[in-house]
């Protein structure tokens, strides 16, 4: 995964309001959550909510679908997994390289 793409996702999640929105969307599961329900739950003004959702969509973290007059947000779980994997994949990889070998002393 491209570092710039991961950095953009993490940047967007670095804002407290966007993180709360994203958490609500992730909690909603694969069916998504109506934008109005997010607004009600988080008490964020509509214009502010729209701005933050747009940022999350731009980063590829959520997608939107319209059903009649209701707009739903759904988490892009593949993107979430890519971000998590990027951070986890090389966990402790340098530990083995930097480990100082223990000296063994022979008992006499």
N, C-alpha and C. Protein backbone atom coordinates (compact mmCIF):
# COMPACT_ATOMS: atom_id res chain seq x y z
N UNK A 1 0.85 -1.18 0.00
CA UNK A 1 0.00 0.00 0.00
C UNK A 1 0.89 1.24 0.00
N UNK A 2 0.47 2.21 -0.75
CA UNK A 2 1.19 3.46 -0.91
C UNK A 2 1.17 4.26 0.40
N UNK A 3 2.32 4.74 0.80
CA UNK A 3 2.44 5.49 2.06
C UNK A 3 1.57 6.75 2.03
N UNK A 4 1.48 7.42 0.89
CA UNK A 4 0.67 8.64 0.80
C UNK A 4 -0.81 8.36 1.04
N UNK A 5 -1.28 7.23 0.53
CA UNK A 5 -2.69 6.86 0.71
C UNK A 5 -2.97 6.57 2.18
N UNK A 6 -2.07 5.83 2.82
CA UNK A 6 -2.22 5.54 4.25
C UNK A 6 -2.15 6.82 5.06
N UNK A 7 -1.20 7.70 4.72
CA UNK A 7 -1.06 8.97 5.44
C UNK A 7 -2.32 9.81 5.34
N UNK A 8 -2.94 9.83 4.17
CA UNK A 8 -4.19 10.60 4.01
C UNK A 8 -5.29 10.02 4.89
N UNK A 9 -5.41 8.70 4.90
CA UNK A 9 -6.44 8.06 5.74
C UNK A 9 -6.20 8.39 7.21
N UNK A 10 -4.96 8.28 7.65
CA UNK A 10 -4.66 8.56 9.06
C UNK A 10 -4.85 10.04 9.38
N UNK A 11 -4.53 10.91 8.43
CA UNK A 11 -4.74 12.35 8.63
C UNK A 11 -6.23 12.64 8.86
N UNK A 12 -7.07 12.06 8.00
CA UNK A 12 -8.51 12.30 8.14
C UNK A 12 -9.05 11.74 9.46
N UNK A 13 -8.52 10.63 9.88
CA UNK A 13 -8.96 10.04 11.15
C UNK A 13 -8.36 10.76 12.35
N UNK A 14 -7.38 11.63 12.09
CA UNK A 14 -6.73 12.37 13.18
C UNK A 14 -7.56 13.52 13.73
N UNK A 15 -8.68 13.83 13.11
CA UNK A 15 -9.56 14.90 13.60
C UNK A 15 -10.61 14.27 14.50
N UNK A 16 -10.80 14.78 15.71
CA UNK A 16 -11.74 14.15 16.66
C UNK A 16 -13.15 13.96 16.12
N UNK A 17 -13.69 14.95 15.42
CA UNK A 17 -15.06 14.82 14.90
C UNK A 17 -15.12 13.74 13.83
N UNK A 18 -14.14 13.73 12.92
CA UNK A 18 -14.13 12.71 11.87
C UNK A 18 -13.95 11.32 12.47
N UNK A 19 -13.14 11.22 13.50
CA UNK A 19 -12.95 9.92 14.15
C UNK A 19 -14.24 9.43 14.78
N UNK A 20 -15.00 10.33 15.40
CA UNK A 20 -16.30 9.95 15.98
C UNK A 20 -17.28 9.54 14.89
N UNK A 21 -17.29 10.27 13.79
CA UNK A 21 -18.16 9.92 12.66
C UNK A 21 -17.78 8.54 12.14
N UNK A 22 -16.49 8.33 11.92
CA UNK A 22 -16.03 7.05 11.37
C UNK A 22 -16.35 5.90 12.30
N UNK A 23 -16.18 6.11 13.59
CA UNK A 23 -16.50 5.07 14.56
C UNK A 23 -17.99 4.71 14.48
N UNK A 24 -18.84 5.71 14.34
CA UNK A 24 -20.29 5.46 14.21
C UNK A 24 -20.59 4.66 12.95
N UNK A 25 -19.91 5.00 11.87
CA UNK A 25 -20.14 4.30 10.60
C UNK A 25 -19.64 2.86 10.70
N UNK A 26 -18.49 2.66 11.29
CA UNK A 26 -17.95 1.30 11.45
C UNK A 26 -18.87 0.47 12.33
N UNK A 27 -19.36 1.06 13.41
CA UNK A 27 -20.27 0.35 14.32
C UNK A 27 -21.56 -0.08 13.64
N UNK A 28 -21.98 0.69 12.65
CA UNK A 28 -23.25 0.40 11.96
C UNK A 28 -23.19 -0.88 11.14
N UNK A 29 -22.02 -1.32 10.79
CA UNK A 29 -21.89 -2.55 10.01
C UNK A 29 -22.07 -2.32 8.52
N UNK A 30 -22.26 -3.43 7.82
CA UNK A 30 -22.30 -3.39 6.36
C UNK A 30 -23.53 -2.70 5.79
N UNK A 31 -24.60 -2.58 6.55
CA UNK A 31 -25.79 -1.89 6.05
C UNK A 31 -25.62 -0.38 6.07
N UNK A 32 -24.67 0.11 6.84
CA UNK A 32 -24.42 1.54 6.90
C UNK A 32 -25.34 2.25 7.87
N UNK A 33 -25.20 3.56 7.90
CA UNK A 33 -25.99 4.40 8.79
C UNK A 33 -26.40 5.66 8.04
N UNK A 34 -27.62 6.09 8.27
CA UNK A 34 -28.12 7.30 7.62
C UNK A 34 -27.38 8.52 8.15
N UNK A 35 -27.10 9.45 7.26
CA UNK A 35 -26.41 10.68 7.67
C UNK A 35 -27.20 11.38 8.78
N UNK A 36 -28.51 11.39 8.67
CA UNK A 36 -29.35 12.01 9.70
C UNK A 36 -29.17 11.36 11.06
N UNK A 37 -28.98 10.05 11.08
CA UNK A 37 -28.76 9.34 12.34
C UNK A 37 -27.41 9.71 12.94
N UNK A 38 -26.40 9.90 12.09
CA UNK A 38 -25.09 10.33 12.58
C UNK A 38 -25.23 11.72 13.19
N UNK A 39 -25.94 12.60 12.49
CA UNK A 39 -26.13 13.98 12.97
C UNK A 39 -26.83 13.99 14.31
N UNK A 40 -27.85 13.18 14.43
CA UNK A 40 -28.62 13.09 15.68
C UNK A 40 -27.75 12.56 16.82
N UNK A 41 -27.01 11.52 16.52
CA UNK A 41 -26.19 10.85 17.53
C UNK A 41 -25.05 11.74 18.02
N UNK A 42 -24.38 12.44 17.09
CA UNK A 42 -23.20 13.21 17.45
C UNK A 42 -23.47 14.69 17.68
N UNK A 43 -24.67 15.14 17.35
CA UNK A 43 -25.04 16.54 17.52
C UNK A 43 -24.06 17.48 16.80
N UNK A 44 -23.78 17.14 15.56
CA UNK A 44 -22.90 17.95 14.72
C UNK A 44 -23.78 18.70 13.72
N UNK A 45 -23.55 20.02 13.53
CA UNK A 45 -24.35 20.75 12.55
C UNK A 45 -24.25 20.10 11.16
N UNK A 46 -25.33 20.16 10.39
CA UNK A 46 -25.38 19.51 9.08
C UNK A 46 -24.23 19.90 8.17
N UNK A 47 -23.92 21.19 8.09
CA UNK A 47 -22.86 21.64 7.19
C UNK A 47 -21.50 21.11 7.63
N UNK A 48 -21.27 21.08 8.92
CA UNK A 48 -20.02 20.54 9.46
C UNK A 48 -19.93 19.05 9.21
N UNK A 49 -21.03 18.36 9.42
CA UNK A 49 -21.07 16.91 9.20
C UNK A 49 -20.79 16.60 7.74
N UNK A 50 -21.40 17.34 6.85
CA UNK A 50 -21.20 17.14 5.42
C UNK A 50 -19.73 17.32 5.05
N UNK A 51 -19.10 18.33 5.59
CA UNK A 51 -17.68 18.60 5.33
C UNK A 51 -16.82 17.43 5.80
N UNK A 52 -17.07 16.94 6.99
CA UNK A 52 -16.26 15.84 7.54
C UNK A 52 -16.51 14.53 6.80
N UNK A 53 -17.75 14.25 6.45
CA UNK A 53 -18.05 13.04 5.69
C UNK A 53 -17.35 13.10 4.33
N UNK A 54 -17.36 14.26 3.71
CA UNK A 54 -16.69 14.43 2.42
C UNK A 54 -15.20 14.10 2.52
N UNK A 55 -14.57 14.51 3.61
CA UNK A 55 -13.15 14.21 3.83
C UNK A 55 -12.92 12.71 3.98
N UNK A 56 -13.81 12.03 4.69
CA UNK A 56 -13.68 10.58 4.88
C UNK A 56 -13.92 9.83 3.56
N UNK A 57 -14.86 10.32 2.76
CA UNK A 57 -15.10 9.72 1.44
C UNK A 57 -13.88 9.92 0.56
N UNK A 58 -13.32 11.12 0.58
CA UNK A 58 -12.14 11.44 -0.23
C UNK A 58 -10.95 10.54 0.11
N UNK A 59 -10.84 10.17 1.37
CA UNK A 59 -9.75 9.29 1.81
C UNK A 59 -10.05 7.82 1.53
N UNK A 60 -11.25 7.53 1.04
CA UNK A 60 -11.63 6.16 0.74
C UNK A 60 -12.04 5.34 1.94
N UNK A 61 -12.28 6.01 3.06
CA UNK A 61 -12.63 5.30 4.30
C UNK A 61 -14.11 4.95 4.38
N UNK A 62 -14.95 5.75 3.73
CA UNK A 62 -16.38 5.45 3.70
C UNK A 62 -16.91 5.67 2.29
N UNK A 63 -18.04 5.05 2.02
CA UNK A 63 -18.75 5.29 0.76
C UNK A 63 -20.18 5.68 1.13
N UNK A 64 -20.88 6.22 0.15
CA UNK A 64 -22.25 6.65 0.40
C UNK A 64 -23.17 6.05 -0.65
N UNK A 65 -24.41 5.82 -0.25
CA UNK A 65 -25.44 5.38 -1.18
C UNK A 65 -26.74 6.08 -0.82
N UNK A 66 -27.52 6.34 -1.83
CA UNK A 66 -28.80 7.00 -1.62
C UNK A 66 -29.92 5.99 -1.80
N UNK A 67 -30.83 5.98 -0.85
CA UNK A 67 -32.05 5.19 -0.94
C UNK A 67 -33.20 6.17 -0.76
N UNK A 68 -33.90 6.41 -1.84
CA UNK A 68 -34.96 7.40 -1.86
C UNK A 68 -34.37 8.76 -1.48
N UNK A 69 -34.80 9.32 -0.37
CA UNK A 69 -34.27 10.62 0.06
C UNK A 69 -33.26 10.50 1.18
N UNK A 70 -32.88 9.29 1.52
CA UNK A 70 -31.95 9.08 2.64
C UNK A 70 -30.57 8.71 2.11
N UNK A 71 -29.55 9.38 2.64
CA UNK A 71 -28.17 9.13 2.27
C UNK A 71 -27.52 8.30 3.38
N UNK A 72 -26.96 7.17 3.01
CA UNK A 72 -26.31 6.27 3.97
C UNK A 72 -24.81 6.29 3.79
N UNK A 73 -24.10 6.16 4.89
CA UNK A 73 -22.65 6.03 4.89
C UNK A 73 -22.29 4.62 5.31
N UNK A 74 -21.36 4.03 4.59
CA UNK A 74 -20.90 2.67 4.90
C UNK A 74 -19.39 2.68 4.95
N UNK A 75 -18.84 2.00 5.93
CA UNK A 75 -17.39 1.92 6.06
C UNK A 75 -16.82 1.07 4.94
N UNK A 76 -15.69 1.48 4.44
CA UNK A 76 -14.93 0.68 3.48
C UNK A 76 -13.97 -0.17 4.30
N UNK A 77 -14.45 -1.35 4.69
CA UNK A 77 -13.69 -2.20 5.60
C UNK A 77 -12.38 -2.68 5.00
N UNK A 78 -12.33 -2.83 3.66
CA UNK A 78 -11.07 -3.22 3.03
C UNK A 78 -10.00 -2.15 3.25
N UNK A 79 -10.39 -0.90 3.12
CA UNK A 79 -9.46 0.22 3.32
C UNK A 79 -9.01 0.25 4.78
N UNK A 80 -9.94 0.06 5.70
CA UNK A 80 -9.60 0.02 7.12
C UNK A 80 -8.58 -1.08 7.37
N UNK A 81 -8.81 -2.25 6.79
CA UNK A 81 -7.89 -3.37 6.97
C UNK A 81 -6.51 -3.07 6.37
N UNK A 82 -6.49 -2.36 5.25
CA UNK A 82 -5.21 -1.98 4.64
C UNK A 82 -4.42 -1.05 5.55
N UNK A 83 -5.11 -0.10 6.17
CA UNK A 83 -4.44 0.82 7.08
C UNK A 83 -3.90 0.07 8.29
N UNK A 84 -4.71 -0.80 8.86
CA UNK A 84 -4.29 -1.59 10.02
C UNK A 84 -3.12 -2.49 9.64
N UNK A 85 -3.22 -3.15 8.51
CA UNK A 85 -2.15 -4.05 8.07
C UNK A 85 -0.86 -3.30 7.82
N UNK A 86 -0.96 -2.11 7.24
CA UNK A 86 0.24 -1.30 7.01
C UNK A 86 0.98 -1.05 8.31
N UNK A 87 0.24 -0.79 9.37
CA UNK A 87 0.86 -0.52 10.66
C UNK A 87 1.35 -1.79 11.36
N UNK A 88 0.67 -2.90 11.13
CA UNK A 88 0.98 -4.14 11.83
C UNK A 88 1.97 -5.04 11.12
N UNK A 89 1.98 -5.02 9.81
CA UNK A 89 2.72 -6.02 9.03
C UNK A 89 4.18 -6.17 9.42
N UNK A 90 4.81 -5.09 9.73
CA UNK A 90 6.23 -5.18 10.04
C UNK A 90 6.51 -5.03 11.54
N UNK A 91 5.50 -5.30 12.31
CA UNK A 91 5.65 -5.20 13.75
C UNK A 91 6.83 -6.05 14.22
N UNK A 92 7.72 -5.42 14.91
CA UNK A 92 8.86 -6.07 15.56
C UNK A 92 9.85 -6.68 14.56
N UNK A 93 9.77 -6.32 13.26
CA UNK A 93 10.66 -6.90 12.26
C UNK A 93 12.12 -6.60 12.55
N UNK A 94 12.40 -5.43 13.07
CA UNK A 94 13.79 -5.06 13.36
C UNK A 94 14.29 -5.61 14.69
N UNK A 95 13.38 -6.13 15.47
CA UNK A 95 13.77 -6.64 16.79
C UNK A 95 14.80 -7.76 16.66
N UNK A 96 14.59 -8.68 15.75
CA UNK A 96 15.52 -9.80 15.58
C UNK A 96 16.86 -9.30 15.05
N UNK A 97 16.84 -8.30 14.19
CA UNK A 97 18.07 -7.76 13.62
C UNK A 97 18.89 -7.04 14.68
N UNK A 98 18.21 -6.31 15.55
CA UNK A 98 18.90 -5.49 16.55
C UNK A 98 19.16 -6.21 17.86
N UNK A 99 18.72 -7.44 17.96
CA UNK A 99 18.89 -8.18 19.20
C UNK A 99 20.38 -8.42 19.46
N UNK A 100 20.78 -8.22 20.69
CA UNK A 100 22.16 -8.48 21.09
C UNK A 100 22.23 -9.92 21.54
N UNK A 101 23.09 -10.70 20.88
CA UNK A 101 23.17 -12.11 21.29
C UNK A 101 23.70 -12.23 22.71
N UNK A 102 23.07 -13.11 23.44
CA UNK A 102 23.51 -13.34 24.81
C UNK A 102 24.80 -14.15 24.78
N UNK A 103 25.70 -13.77 25.67
CA UNK A 103 26.94 -14.55 25.77
C UNK A 103 26.70 -15.68 26.76
N UNK A 104 27.16 -16.80 26.38
CA UNK A 104 26.98 -17.95 27.27
C UNK A 104 28.31 -18.24 27.93
N UNK A 105 28.24 -18.43 29.18
CA UNK A 105 29.46 -18.78 29.90
C UNK A 105 29.44 -20.26 30.22
N UNK A 106 30.59 -20.85 30.07
CA UNK A 106 30.68 -22.29 30.33
C UNK A 106 30.92 -22.51 31.79
N UNK A 107 30.19 -23.41 32.34
CA UNK A 107 30.39 -23.76 33.77
C UNK A 107 31.55 -24.69 33.89
N UNK A 108 32.37 -24.49 34.90
CA UNK A 108 33.51 -25.36 35.13
C UNK A 108 33.33 -26.16 36.36
